[in-house]
N, C-alpha and C. Protein backbone atom coordinates (compact mmCIF):
# COMPACT_ATOMS: atom_id res chain seq x y z
N UNK A 1 0.82 -1.19 0.00
CA UNK A 1 0.00 0.00 0.00
C UNK A 1 0.87 1.26 0.00
N UNK A 2 1.99 1.21 0.71
CA UNK A 2 2.83 2.40 0.81
C UNK A 2 3.33 2.90 -0.55
N UNK A 3 3.87 2.04 -1.42
CA UNK A 3 4.30 2.57 -2.72
C UNK A 3 3.13 3.09 -3.55
N UNK A 4 1.97 2.50 -3.42
CA UNK A 4 0.79 2.99 -4.12
C UNK A 4 0.44 4.41 -3.67
N UNK A 5 0.43 4.63 -2.36
CA UNK A 5 0.10 5.95 -1.85
C UNK A 5 1.16 6.97 -2.24
N UNK A 6 2.42 6.57 -2.25
CA UNK A 6 3.49 7.48 -2.72
C UNK A 6 3.25 7.87 -4.17
N UNK A 7 2.92 6.91 -5.00
CA UNK A 7 2.68 7.19 -6.41
C UNK A 7 1.50 8.10 -6.62
N UNK A 8 0.41 7.87 -5.89
CA UNK A 8 -0.77 8.72 -6.02
C UNK A 8 -0.49 10.14 -5.53
N UNK A 9 0.29 10.25 -4.46
CA UNK A 9 0.66 11.58 -3.96
C UNK A 9 1.52 12.31 -4.98
N UNK A 10 2.50 11.61 -5.56
CA UNK A 10 3.36 12.23 -6.58
C UNK A 10 2.54 12.65 -7.79
N UNK A 11 1.57 11.83 -8.16
CA UNK A 11 0.71 12.15 -9.29
C UNK A 11 -0.04 13.47 -9.05
N UNK A 12 -0.53 13.66 -7.84
CA UNK A 12 -1.23 14.91 -7.50
C UNK A 12 -0.26 16.09 -7.48
N UNK A 13 0.89 15.88 -6.86
CA UNK A 13 1.86 16.97 -6.72
C UNK A 13 2.42 17.44 -8.06
N UNK A 14 2.64 16.51 -8.97
CA UNK A 14 3.29 16.82 -10.24
C UNK A 14 2.37 16.67 -11.44
N UNK A 15 1.08 16.88 -11.24
CA UNK A 15 0.10 16.66 -12.30
C UNK A 15 0.41 17.43 -13.58
N UNK A 16 0.90 18.63 -13.46
CA UNK A 16 1.17 19.46 -14.64
C UNK A 16 2.61 19.33 -15.14
N UNK A 17 3.44 18.59 -14.40
CA UNK A 17 4.86 18.55 -14.73
C UNK A 17 5.37 17.21 -15.22
N UNK A 18 4.74 16.12 -14.79
CA UNK A 18 5.28 14.80 -15.12
C UNK A 18 4.17 13.76 -15.16
N UNK A 19 4.41 12.70 -15.91
CA UNK A 19 3.51 11.56 -15.97
C UNK A 19 4.00 10.52 -14.96
N UNK A 20 3.23 10.25 -13.93
CA UNK A 20 3.61 9.28 -12.90
C UNK A 20 2.92 7.96 -13.22
N UNK A 21 3.69 6.91 -13.38
CA UNK A 21 3.12 5.62 -13.77
C UNK A 21 3.14 4.59 -12.64
N UNK A 22 3.90 4.87 -11.58
CA UNK A 22 4.00 3.89 -10.50
C UNK A 22 4.48 4.57 -9.22
N UNK A 23 4.40 3.83 -8.16
CA UNK A 23 4.99 4.22 -6.88
C UNK A 23 6.07 3.22 -6.56
N UNK A 24 7.12 3.68 -5.91
CA UNK A 24 8.24 2.77 -5.58
C UNK A 24 8.60 2.88 -4.12
N UNK A 25 9.02 1.77 -3.58
CA UNK A 25 9.51 1.69 -2.22
C UNK A 25 10.88 1.03 -2.28
N UNK A 26 11.87 1.69 -1.72
CA UNK A 26 13.23 1.16 -1.73
C UNK A 26 13.61 0.68 -0.35
N UNK A 27 14.17 -0.52 -0.28
CA UNK A 27 14.72 -1.03 0.96
C UNK A 27 16.23 -0.82 0.86
N UNK A 28 16.73 0.18 1.57
CA UNK A 28 18.13 0.57 1.41
C UNK A 28 19.03 0.00 2.50
N UNK A 29 18.71 -1.21 2.94
CA UNK A 29 19.53 -1.89 3.95
C UNK A 29 19.79 -3.33 3.52
N UNK A 30 20.80 -3.92 4.12
CA UNK A 30 21.07 -5.32 3.81
C UNK A 30 19.93 -6.20 4.30
N UNK A 31 19.30 -5.82 5.41
CA UNK A 31 18.15 -6.60 5.90
C UNK A 31 17.03 -6.60 4.86
N UNK A 32 16.84 -5.50 4.16
CA UNK A 32 15.82 -5.40 3.11
C UNK A 32 16.33 -5.86 1.76
N UNK A 33 17.57 -6.36 1.75
CA UNK A 33 18.21 -6.89 0.54
C UNK A 33 18.29 -5.86 -0.59
N UNK A 34 18.25 -4.57 -0.22
CA UNK A 34 18.38 -3.48 -1.19
C UNK A 34 17.41 -3.65 -2.36
N UNK A 35 16.22 -4.12 -2.04
CA UNK A 35 15.23 -4.38 -3.09
C UNK A 35 14.34 -3.16 -3.33
N UNK A 36 13.66 -3.20 -4.45
CA UNK A 36 12.70 -2.17 -4.83
C UNK A 36 11.35 -2.83 -5.06
N UNK A 37 10.32 -2.23 -4.52
CA UNK A 37 8.95 -2.69 -4.75
C UNK A 37 8.28 -1.61 -5.59
N UNK A 38 7.77 -1.99 -6.73
CA UNK A 38 7.11 -1.04 -7.63
C UNK A 38 5.65 -1.44 -7.79
N UNK A 39 4.77 -0.46 -7.67
CA UNK A 39 3.34 -0.70 -7.83
C UNK A 39 2.82 0.22 -8.92
N UNK A 40 2.31 -0.38 -9.99
CA UNK A 40 1.77 0.41 -11.10
C UNK A 40 0.51 1.14 -10.67
N UNK A 41 0.31 2.34 -11.18
CA UNK A 41 -0.90 3.10 -10.89
C UNK A 41 -1.97 2.72 -11.91
N UNK A 42 -2.37 1.45 -11.84
CA UNK A 42 -3.38 0.95 -12.77
C UNK A 42 -4.75 0.96 -12.10
N UNK A 43 -5.76 0.50 -12.81
CA UNK A 43 -7.13 0.51 -12.28
C UNK A 43 -7.26 -0.31 -11.00
N UNK A 44 -6.60 -1.45 -10.95
CA UNK A 44 -6.68 -2.32 -9.77
C UNK A 44 -6.09 -1.63 -8.54
N UNK A 45 -4.94 -0.98 -8.72
CA UNK A 45 -4.29 -0.28 -7.61
C UNK A 45 -5.14 0.90 -7.15
N UNK A 46 -5.68 1.63 -8.10
CA UNK A 46 -6.53 2.78 -7.74
C UNK A 46 -7.78 2.32 -6.99
N UNK A 47 -8.36 1.21 -7.39
CA UNK A 47 -9.53 0.67 -6.70
C UNK A 47 -9.17 0.27 -5.27
N UNK A 48 -7.98 -0.30 -5.09
CA UNK A 48 -7.53 -0.68 -3.76
C UNK A 48 -7.36 0.55 -2.88
N UNK A 49 -6.81 1.62 -3.43
CA UNK A 49 -6.63 2.85 -2.66
C UNK A 49 -7.98 3.43 -2.25
N UNK A 50 -8.94 3.38 -3.14
CA UNK A 50 -10.28 3.87 -2.83
C UNK A 50 -10.91 3.02 -1.72
N UNK A 51 -10.75 1.71 -1.82
CA UNK A 51 -11.31 0.82 -0.81
C UNK A 51 -10.71 1.12 0.57
N UNK A 52 -9.40 1.33 0.62
CA UNK A 52 -8.74 1.64 1.90
C UNK A 52 -9.22 2.99 2.42
N UNK A 53 -9.29 3.99 1.56
CA UNK A 53 -9.73 5.32 1.98
C UNK A 53 -11.15 5.28 2.53
N UNK A 54 -12.03 4.53 1.87
CA UNK A 54 -13.41 4.42 2.35
C UNK A 54 -13.48 3.71 3.70
N UNK A 55 -12.70 2.65 3.86
CA UNK A 55 -12.71 1.91 5.13
C UNK A 55 -12.20 2.80 6.26
N UNK A 56 -11.13 3.56 6.01
CA UNK A 56 -10.60 4.46 7.03
C UNK A 56 -11.59 5.58 7.31
N UNK A 57 -12.18 6.14 6.26
CA UNK A 57 -13.17 7.21 6.42
C UNK A 57 -14.36 6.77 7.25
N UNK A 58 -14.85 5.57 6.97
CA UNK A 58 -15.98 5.03 7.73
C UNK A 58 -15.60 4.82 9.19
N UNK A 59 -14.42 4.28 9.43
CA UNK A 59 -13.97 4.03 10.80
C UNK A 59 -13.84 5.34 11.58
N UNK A 60 -13.28 6.36 10.94
CA UNK A 60 -13.12 7.66 11.61
C UNK A 60 -14.50 8.28 11.85
N UNK A 61 -15.36 8.25 10.85
CA UNK A 61 -16.71 8.80 10.99
C UNK A 61 -17.47 8.13 12.12
N UNK A 62 -17.36 6.81 12.21
CA UNK A 62 -18.08 6.05 13.23
C UNK A 62 -17.35 6.01 14.57
N UNK A 63 -16.17 6.65 14.64
CA UNK A 63 -15.34 6.63 15.85
C UNK A 63 -15.10 5.20 16.31
N UNK A 64 -14.80 4.33 15.36
CA UNK A 64 -14.57 2.93 15.66
C UNK A 64 -13.22 2.51 15.08
N UNK A 65 -12.18 2.65 15.88
CA UNK A 65 -10.82 2.29 15.47
C UNK A 65 -10.22 1.30 16.48
N UNK A 66 -10.90 0.18 16.69
CA UNK A 66 -10.42 -0.77 17.70
C UNK A 66 -9.28 -1.63 17.17
N UNK A 67 -8.52 -2.15 18.10
CA UNK A 67 -7.54 -3.17 17.72
C UNK A 67 -8.34 -4.38 17.25
N UNK A 68 -7.95 -4.95 16.14
CA UNK A 68 -8.65 -6.11 15.60
C UNK A 68 -7.63 -6.98 14.87
N UNK A 69 -6.73 -7.60 15.64
CA UNK A 69 -5.64 -8.35 15.00
C UNK A 69 -6.12 -9.60 14.30
N UNK A 70 -5.44 -9.93 13.21
CA UNK A 70 -5.69 -11.20 12.54
C UNK A 70 -5.12 -12.32 13.42
N UNK A 71 -5.58 -13.51 13.20
CA UNK A 71 -5.15 -14.65 14.00
C UNK A 71 -3.63 -14.80 13.99
N UNK A 72 -3.05 -14.92 15.17
CA UNK A 72 -1.61 -15.13 15.29
C UNK A 72 -0.77 -13.86 15.29
N UNK A 73 -1.37 -12.72 15.01
CA UNK A 73 -0.61 -11.48 14.90
C UNK A 73 -0.08 -10.98 16.24
N UNK A 74 -0.80 -11.21 17.31
CA UNK A 74 -0.36 -10.71 18.61
C UNK A 74 0.98 -11.32 19.04
N UNK A 75 1.26 -12.51 18.58
CA UNK A 75 2.49 -13.19 18.97
C UNK A 75 3.74 -12.44 18.51
N UNK A 76 3.62 -11.66 17.45
CA UNK A 76 4.80 -10.96 16.94
C UNK A 76 4.66 -9.45 16.98
N UNK A 77 3.70 -8.96 17.76
CA UNK A 77 3.41 -7.53 17.81
C UNK A 77 4.27 -6.82 18.85
N UNK A 78 4.77 -5.64 18.47
CA UNK A 78 5.57 -4.82 19.39
C UNK A 78 4.70 -4.00 20.34
N UNK A 79 3.39 -4.01 20.15
CA UNK A 79 2.50 -3.15 20.94
C UNK A 79 1.70 -3.91 21.99
N UNK A 80 2.15 -5.08 22.38
CA UNK A 80 1.43 -5.82 23.42
C UNK A 80 1.37 -5.04 24.72
N UNK A 81 2.31 -4.13 24.95
CA UNK A 81 2.29 -3.29 26.13
C UNK A 81 1.02 -2.45 26.15
N UNK A 82 0.54 -2.05 24.98
CA UNK A 82 -0.66 -1.22 24.87
C UNK A 82 -1.92 -2.08 25.01
N UNK A 83 -2.02 -3.12 24.21
CA UNK A 83 -3.24 -3.94 24.17
C UNK A 83 -3.25 -5.07 25.19
N UNK A 84 -2.08 -5.54 25.52
CA UNK A 84 -1.99 -6.73 26.35
C UNK A 84 -1.93 -7.97 25.47
N UNK A 85 -1.69 -9.11 26.06
CA UNK A 85 -1.50 -10.33 25.27
C UNK A 85 -2.78 -11.04 24.86
N UNK A 86 -3.94 -10.51 25.23
CA UNK A 86 -5.20 -11.24 25.01
C UNK A 86 -6.14 -10.57 24.02
N UNK A 87 -5.64 -9.69 23.19
CA UNK A 87 -6.53 -8.97 22.26
C UNK A 87 -7.22 -9.91 21.29
N UNK A 88 -6.54 -10.96 20.87
CA UNK A 88 -7.18 -11.90 19.95
C UNK A 88 -8.41 -12.55 20.58
N UNK A 89 -8.40 -12.75 21.88
CA UNK A 89 -9.58 -13.29 22.56
C UNK A 89 -10.67 -12.24 22.69
N UNK A 90 -10.26 -10.99 22.98
CA UNK A 90 -11.24 -9.92 23.16
C UNK A 90 -11.99 -9.58 21.88
N UNK A 91 -11.39 -9.80 20.72
CA UNK A 91 -12.07 -9.42 19.48
C UNK A 91 -13.33 -10.24 19.25
N UNK A 92 -13.44 -11.38 19.89
CA UNK A 92 -14.66 -12.18 19.72
C UNK A 92 -15.88 -11.48 20.31
N UNK A 93 -15.65 -10.49 21.19
CA UNK A 93 -16.76 -9.74 21.80
C UNK A 93 -17.05 -8.44 21.06
N UNK A 94 -16.29 -8.13 20.03
CA UNK A 94 -16.49 -6.89 19.30
C UNK A 94 -17.56 -7.09 18.23
N UNK A 95 -18.26 -6.03 17.87
CA UNK A 95 -19.35 -6.15 16.89
C UNK A 95 -18.83 -6.52 15.51
N UNK A 96 -18.96 -7.78 15.16
CA UNK A 96 -18.40 -8.31 13.91
C UNK A 96 -18.85 -7.57 12.66
N UNK A 97 -20.10 -7.15 12.60
CA UNK A 97 -20.61 -6.46 11.43
C UNK A 97 -19.89 -5.15 11.16
N UNK A 98 -19.49 -4.48 12.22
CA UNK A 98 -18.79 -3.20 12.06
C UNK A 98 -17.34 -3.40 11.61
N UNK A 99 -16.86 -4.60 11.70
CA UNK A 99 -15.49 -4.90 11.29
C UNK A 99 -15.42 -5.31 9.82
N UNK A 100 -16.57 -5.36 9.16
CA UNK A 100 -16.63 -5.83 7.77
C UNK A 100 -15.67 -5.10 6.82
N UNK A 101 -15.56 -3.75 6.88
CA UNK A 101 -14.62 -3.09 5.97
C UNK A 101 -13.17 -3.54 6.18
N UNK A 102 -12.77 -3.71 7.45
CA UNK A 102 -11.41 -4.16 7.73
C UNK A 102 -11.22 -5.60 7.26
N UNK A 103 -12.18 -6.44 7.52
CA UNK A 103 -12.09 -7.84 7.09
C UNK A 103 -12.02 -7.92 5.57
N UNK A 104 -12.79 -7.08 4.88
CA UNK A 104 -12.76 -7.05 3.41
C UNK A 104 -11.38 -6.62 2.91
N UNK A 105 -10.77 -5.64 3.57
CA UNK A 105 -9.42 -5.20 3.18
C UNK A 105 -8.41 -6.34 3.33
N UNK A 106 -8.53 -7.06 4.38
CA UNK A 106 -7.58 -8.16 4.60
C UNK A 106 -7.72 -9.25 3.55
N UNK A 107 -8.93 -9.42 3.02
CA UNK A 107 -9.15 -10.44 2.01
C UNK A 107 -8.90 -9.97 0.60
N UNK A 108 -8.67 -8.66 0.43
CA UNK A 108 -8.46 -8.11 -0.91
C UNK A 108 -7.11 -8.56 -1.47
N UNK A 109 -7.07 -8.85 -2.77
CA UNK A 109 -5.80 -9.28 -3.37
C UNK A 109 -4.81 -8.15 -3.45
């Protein structure tokens, strides 16, 4: 998502100056293997950006931004100090219907 958002931002910033065809993310460390991730600004990518923006907009509008980790995510999370180690159990008590936009994002290709 990050390279897509970079590309869309560049497209807006340089609309009159340059044709932006993609967004790029560079991993400039040996841990990242000095790789580049490129995401084309095609219809599929633009649809994904719209889907994310709508999901975030709805969550902010509804004041519903709860922790909702996917299965197994808490085991490797750096924020257990904030949520505690049992958030995966607590999500079973959260209103599932309101989590639909987030669940849809997770299932999106």
